[in-house]
C-alpha atoms as a PDB file:
ATOM      1  CA  MET A   1      38.239  37.283 119.351  1.00  0.00           C
ATOM      2  CA  ALA A   2      37.620  40.805 118.121  1.00  0.00           C
ATOM      3  CA  LEU A   3      40.565  43.139 117.996  1.00  0.00           C
ATOM      4  CA  LYS A   4      40.262  46.762 119.092  1.00  0.00           C
ATOM      5  CA  LYS A   5      42.059  47.885 115.966  1.00  0.00           C
ATOM      6  CA  SER A   6      42.892  46.162 112.696  1.00  0.00           C
ATOM      7  CA  VAL A   7      46.246  46.403 110.956  1.00  0.00           C
ATOM      8  CA  LYS A   8      44.547  48.356 108.183  1.00  0.00           C
ATOM      9  CA  GLN A   9      43.245  50.881 110.732  1.00  0.00           C
ATOM     10  CA  MET A  10      46.718  51.211 112.242  1.00  0.00           C
ATOM     11  CA  VAL A  11      48.292  51.751 108.825  1.00  0.00           C
ATOM     12  CA  ASP A  12      45.612  54.288 107.864  1.00  0.00           C
ATOM     13  CA  GLU A  13      46.164  56.181 111.139  1.00  0.00           C
ATOM     14  CA  ALA A  14      49.928  56.147 110.642  1.00  0.00           C
ATOM     15  CA  ASN A  15      49.585  57.403 107.065  1.00  0.00           C
ATOM     16  CA  SER A  16      47.475  60.311 108.290  1.00  0.00           C
ATOM     17  CA  GLU A  17      50.307  61.450 110.587  1.00  0.00           C
ATOM     18  CA  ILE A  18      53.446  60.839 108.529  1.00  0.00           C
ATOM     19  CA  LYS A  19      54.969  62.093 105.303  1.00  0.00           C
ATOM     20  CA  THR A  20      54.665  59.733 102.347  1.00  0.00           C
ATOM     21  CA  LEU A  21      56.772  60.080  99.214  1.00  0.00           C
ATOM     22  CA  THR A  22      55.285  59.121  95.886  1.00  0.00           C
ATOM     23  CA  MET A  23      57.319  56.679  93.841  1.00  0.00           C
ATOM     24  CA  GLU A  24      58.291  59.505  91.481  1.00  0.00           C
ATOM     25  CA  GLU A  25      59.559  61.608  94.413  1.00  0.00           C
ATOM     26  CA  ALA A  26      61.496  58.669  95.874  1.00  0.00           C
ATOM     27  CA  VAL A  27      63.132  57.715  92.550  1.00  0.00           C
ATOM     28  CA  LYS A  28      64.105  61.337  91.870  1.00  0.00           C
ATOM     29  CA  LEU A  29      65.507  61.750  95.381  1.00  0.00           C
ATOM     30  CA  HIS A  30      67.577  58.593  94.947  1.00  0.00           C
ATOM     31  CA  SER A  31      68.769  59.468  91.447  1.00  0.00           C
ATOM     32  CA  ASP A  32      69.802  62.962  92.581  1.00  0.00           C
ATOM     33  CA  GLY A  33      72.206  61.293  95.033  1.00  0.00           C
ATOM     34  CA  ASP A  34      71.141  63.657  97.830  1.00  0.00           C
ATOM     35  CA  GLU A  35      73.515  62.858 100.700  1.00  0.00           C
ATOM     36  CA  ASP A  36      71.121  64.418 103.226  1.00  0.00           C
ATOM     37  CA  HIS A  37      68.766  61.444 102.830  1.00  0.00           C
ATOM     38  CA  VAL A  38      69.235  57.844 103.927  1.00  0.00           C
ATOM     39  CA  PHE A  39      67.022  55.163 102.416  1.00  0.00           C
ATOM     40  CA  VAL A  40      66.271  52.578 105.112  1.00  0.00           C
ATOM     41  CA  ASP A  41      65.135  49.077 104.169  1.00  0.00           C
ATOM     42  CA  ILE A  42      63.212  47.506 107.047  1.00  0.00           C
ATOM     43  CA  ARG A  43      62.466  44.190 105.339  1.00  0.00           C
ATOM     44  CA  ASP A  44      63.656  40.792 106.484  1.00  0.00           C
ATOM     45  CA  VAL A  45      67.056  39.666 105.162  1.00  0.00           C
ATOM     46  CA  ARG A  46      65.356  36.897 103.166  1.00  0.00           C
ATOM     47  CA  GLU A  47      63.428  39.565 101.255  1.00  0.00           C
ATOM     48  CA  LEU A  48      66.663  41.450 100.535  1.00  0.00           C
ATOM     49  CA  ASP A  49      68.375  38.275  99.344  1.00  0.00           C
ATOM     50  CA  HIS A  50      65.423  37.376  97.114  1.00  0.00           C
ATOM     51  CA  ASP A  51      64.580  40.771  95.596  1.00  0.00           C
ATOM     52  CA  GLY A  52      67.593  43.016  96.194  1.00  0.00           C
ATOM     53  CA  MET A  53      67.298  46.498  97.646  1.00  0.00           C
ATOM     54  CA  VAL A  54      67.567  50.179  96.830  1.00  0.00           C
ATOM     55  CA  PRO A  55      71.270  50.746  96.052  1.00  0.00           C
ATOM     56  CA  GLY A  56      73.038  52.354  98.993  1.00  0.00           C
ATOM     57  CA  ALA A  57      70.147  51.769 101.398  1.00  0.00           C
ATOM     58  CA  PHE A  58      70.820  51.056 105.063  1.00  0.00           C
ATOM     59  CA  HIS A  59      69.262  47.809 106.295  1.00  0.00           C
ATOM     60  CA  ALA A  60      67.496  48.065 109.648  1.00  0.00           C
ATOM     61  CA  PRO A  61      65.319  45.025 110.350  1.00  0.00           C
ATOM     62  CA  ARG A  62      61.853  46.062 111.510  1.00  0.00           C
ATOM     63  CA  GLY A  63      62.187  44.064 114.722  1.00  0.00           C
ATOM     64  CA  MET A  64      65.263  46.042 115.809  1.00  0.00           C
ATOM     65  CA  LEU A  65      64.389  49.485 114.455  1.00  0.00           C
ATOM     66  CA  GLU A  66      63.326  51.232 117.669  1.00  0.00           C
ATOM     67  CA  PHE A  67      66.347  49.780 119.491  1.00  0.00           C
ATOM     68  CA  TRP A  68      68.709  50.999 116.767  1.00  0.00           C
ATOM     69  CA  VAL A  69      67.136  54.489 116.759  1.00  0.00           C
ATOM     70  CA  ASP A  70      67.253  55.038 120.548  1.00  0.00           C
ATOM     71  CA  PRO A  71      70.624  56.568 121.523  1.00  0.00           C
ATOM     72  CA  GLU A  72      70.234  55.135 125.044  1.00  0.00           C
ATOM     73  CA  SER A  73      69.779  51.587 123.759  1.00  0.00           C
ATOM     74  CA  PRO A  74      72.771  49.232 123.815  1.00  0.00           C
ATOM     75  CA  TYR A  75      71.857  48.437 120.187  1.00  0.00           C
ATOM     76  CA  HIS A  76      71.913  52.050 118.936  1.00  0.00           C
ATOM     77  CA  LYS A  77      73.315  52.608 115.427  1.00  0.00           C
ATOM     78  CA  ASP A  78      75.109  55.892 114.717  1.00  0.00           C
ATOM     79  CA  THR A  79      73.370  56.160 111.346  1.00  0.00           C
ATOM     80  CA  PHE A  80      70.247  57.278 113.173  1.00  0.00           C
ATOM     81  CA  ALA A  81      72.121  60.095 114.947  1.00  0.00           C
ATOM     82  CA  SER A  82      73.343  61.589 111.664  1.00  0.00           C
ATOM     83  CA  GLY A  83      70.691  64.321 111.453  1.00  0.00           C
ATOM     84  CA  LYS A  84      69.764  63.201 107.941  1.00  0.00           C
ATOM     85  CA  THR A  85      66.286  62.609 106.559  1.00  0.00           C
ATOM     86  CA  PHE A  86      65.310  58.942 106.699  1.00  0.00           C
ATOM     87  CA  VAL A  87      63.261  57.355 103.926  1.00  0.00           C
ATOM     88  CA  PHE A  88      61.826  54.044 105.130  1.00  0.00           C
ATOM     89  CA  TYR A  89      60.498  51.316 102.894  1.00  0.00           C
ATOM     90  CA  CYS A  90      59.263  47.741 103.101  1.00  0.00           C
ATOM     91  CA  ARG A  91      57.607  45.503 100.504  1.00  0.00           C
ATOM     92  CA  SER A  92      54.252  47.276 100.160  1.00  0.00           C
ATOM     93  CA  GLY A  93      54.361  50.353 102.383  1.00  0.00           C
ATOM     94  CA  TRP A  94      52.454  48.971 105.366  1.00  0.00           C
ATOM     95  CA  ARG A  95      55.339  48.043 107.677  1.00  0.00           C
ATOM     96  CA  SER A  96      57.189  51.196 106.662  1.00  0.00           C
ATOM     97  CA  ALA A  97      54.149  53.355 107.506  1.00  0.00           C
ATOM     98  CA  LEU A  98      54.008  51.824 110.990  1.00  0.00           C
ATOM     99  CA  ALA A  99      57.781  52.079 111.385  1.00  0.00           C
ATOM    100  CA  THR A 100      57.826  55.710 110.264  1.00  0.00           C
ATOM    101  CA  LYS A 101      55.072  56.556 112.755  1.00  0.00           C
ATOM    102  CA  ALA A 102      56.887  54.703 115.562  1.00  0.00           C
ATOM    103  CA  VAL A 103      60.229  56.461 115.090  1.00  0.00           C
ATOM    104  CA  GLN A 104      58.492  59.804 114.534  1.00  0.00           C
ATOM    105  CA  ASP A 105      56.719  59.278 117.885  1.00  0.00           C
ATOM    106  CA  MET A 106      60.152  58.564 119.400  1.00  0.00           C
ATOM    107  CA  GLY A 107      61.367  61.950 118.131  1.00  0.00           C
ATOM    108  CA  LEU A 108      63.395  60.909 115.082  1.00  0.00           C
ATOM    109  CA  GLU A 109      62.747  63.574 112.493  1.00  0.00           C
ATOM    110  CA  PRO A 110      62.677  64.220 109.647  1.00  0.00           C
ATOM    111  CA  VAL A 111      61.419  60.864 108.478  1.00  0.00           C
ATOM    112  CA  CYS A 112      59.106  59.606 105.725  1.00  0.00           C
ATOM    113  CA  HIS A 113      58.302  56.463 103.799  1.00  0.00           C
ATOM    114  CA  ILE A 114      57.712  55.374 100.215  1.00  0.00           C
ATOM    115  CA  GLU A 115      54.180  54.798  98.981  1.00  0.00           C
ATOM    116  CA  GLY A 116      53.877  51.263  97.632  1.00  0.00           C
ATOM    117  CA  GLY A 117      57.249  50.208  99.048  1.00  0.00           C
ATOM    118  CA  PHE A 118      59.847  48.129  97.253  1.00  0.00           C
ATOM    119  CA  GLY A 119      57.158  46.398  95.198  1.00  0.00           C
ATOM    120  CA  ALA A 120      56.310  49.748  93.591  1.00  0.00           C
ATOM    121  CA  TRP A 121      60.049  50.498  93.279  1.00  0.00           C
ATOM    122  CA  MET A 122      60.495  47.305  91.231  1.00  0.00           C
ATOM    123  CA  GLU A 123      57.404  48.068  89.122  1.00  0.00           C
ATOM    124  CA  ALA A 124      58.850  51.522  88.365  1.00  0.00           C
ATOM    125  CA  GLU A 125      62.009  49.751  87.146  1.00  0.00           C
ATOM    126  CA  ALA A 126      64.075  51.887  89.501  1.00  0.00           C
ATOM    127  CA  PRO A 127      67.662  50.776  90.266  1.00  0.00           C
ATOM    128  CA  ILE A 128      68.057  47.623  92.335  1.00  0.00           C
ATOM    129  CA  GLY A 129      71.211  46.525  94.119  1.00  0.00           C
ATOM    130  CA  GLN A 130      72.191  43.454  96.082  1.00  0.00           C
ATOM    131  CA  ARG A 131      72.407  43.225  99.842  1.00  0.00           C
ATOM    132  CA  PRO A 132      75.982  43.978 100.928  1.00  0.00           C
ATOM    133  CA  PRO A 133      77.862  40.888 102.106  1.00  0.00           C
ATOM    134  CA  LYS A 134      77.734  40.226 105.819  1.00  0.00           C
ATOM    135  CA  LYS A 135      80.939  41.194 107.622  1.00  0.00           C
ATOM    136  CA  ASP A 136      82.705  38.464 109.506  1.00  0.00           C
ATOM    137  CA  LYS A 137      83.761  38.846 113.141  1.00  0.00           C
ATOM    138  CA  GLN A 138      87.362  39.760 112.239  1.00  0.00           C
ATOM    139  CA  GLU A 139      86.258  42.660 110.037  1.00  0.00           C
ATOM    140  CA  LYS A 140      83.922  43.949 112.761  1.00  0.00           C
ATOM    141  CA  LYS A 141      86.773  43.874 115.324  1.00  0.00           C
ATOM    142  CA  LYS A 142      89.020  45.925 113.020  1.00  0.00           C
ATOM    143  CA  GLU A 143      86.286  48.563 112.622  1.00  0.00           C
ATOM    144  CA  GLY A 144      85.508  49.064 116.187  1.00  0.00           C
END
């Protein structure tokens, strides 16, 4: 079976239409503590547990991202209505390129992603934190 478009073609097309931060730009942005930017980790929870994540990043699993972004979705997360700039990342920059393009097409702006993803972040020896502990049902009830 021949596909109409390969993943590489999709990623290349996405990268031609979205903003990509270099690792140096991403590390500087994070180290400056700019509160107008939200780093968004779209990796699977197993990846977060194994490798850690950018400290202070918001975790939005790739499979739920569009649902969490859409204010009309029953799964909407207020983080995405904050008006901040969103900096997406995954392991290598492929999923985050596609995710950035998808939410940009939905109208979420400004948004960008990190070239090379979390793999490049680790290679740059940038800060790494642990995934925050999962809240139990009692804590969630108290919050909302």
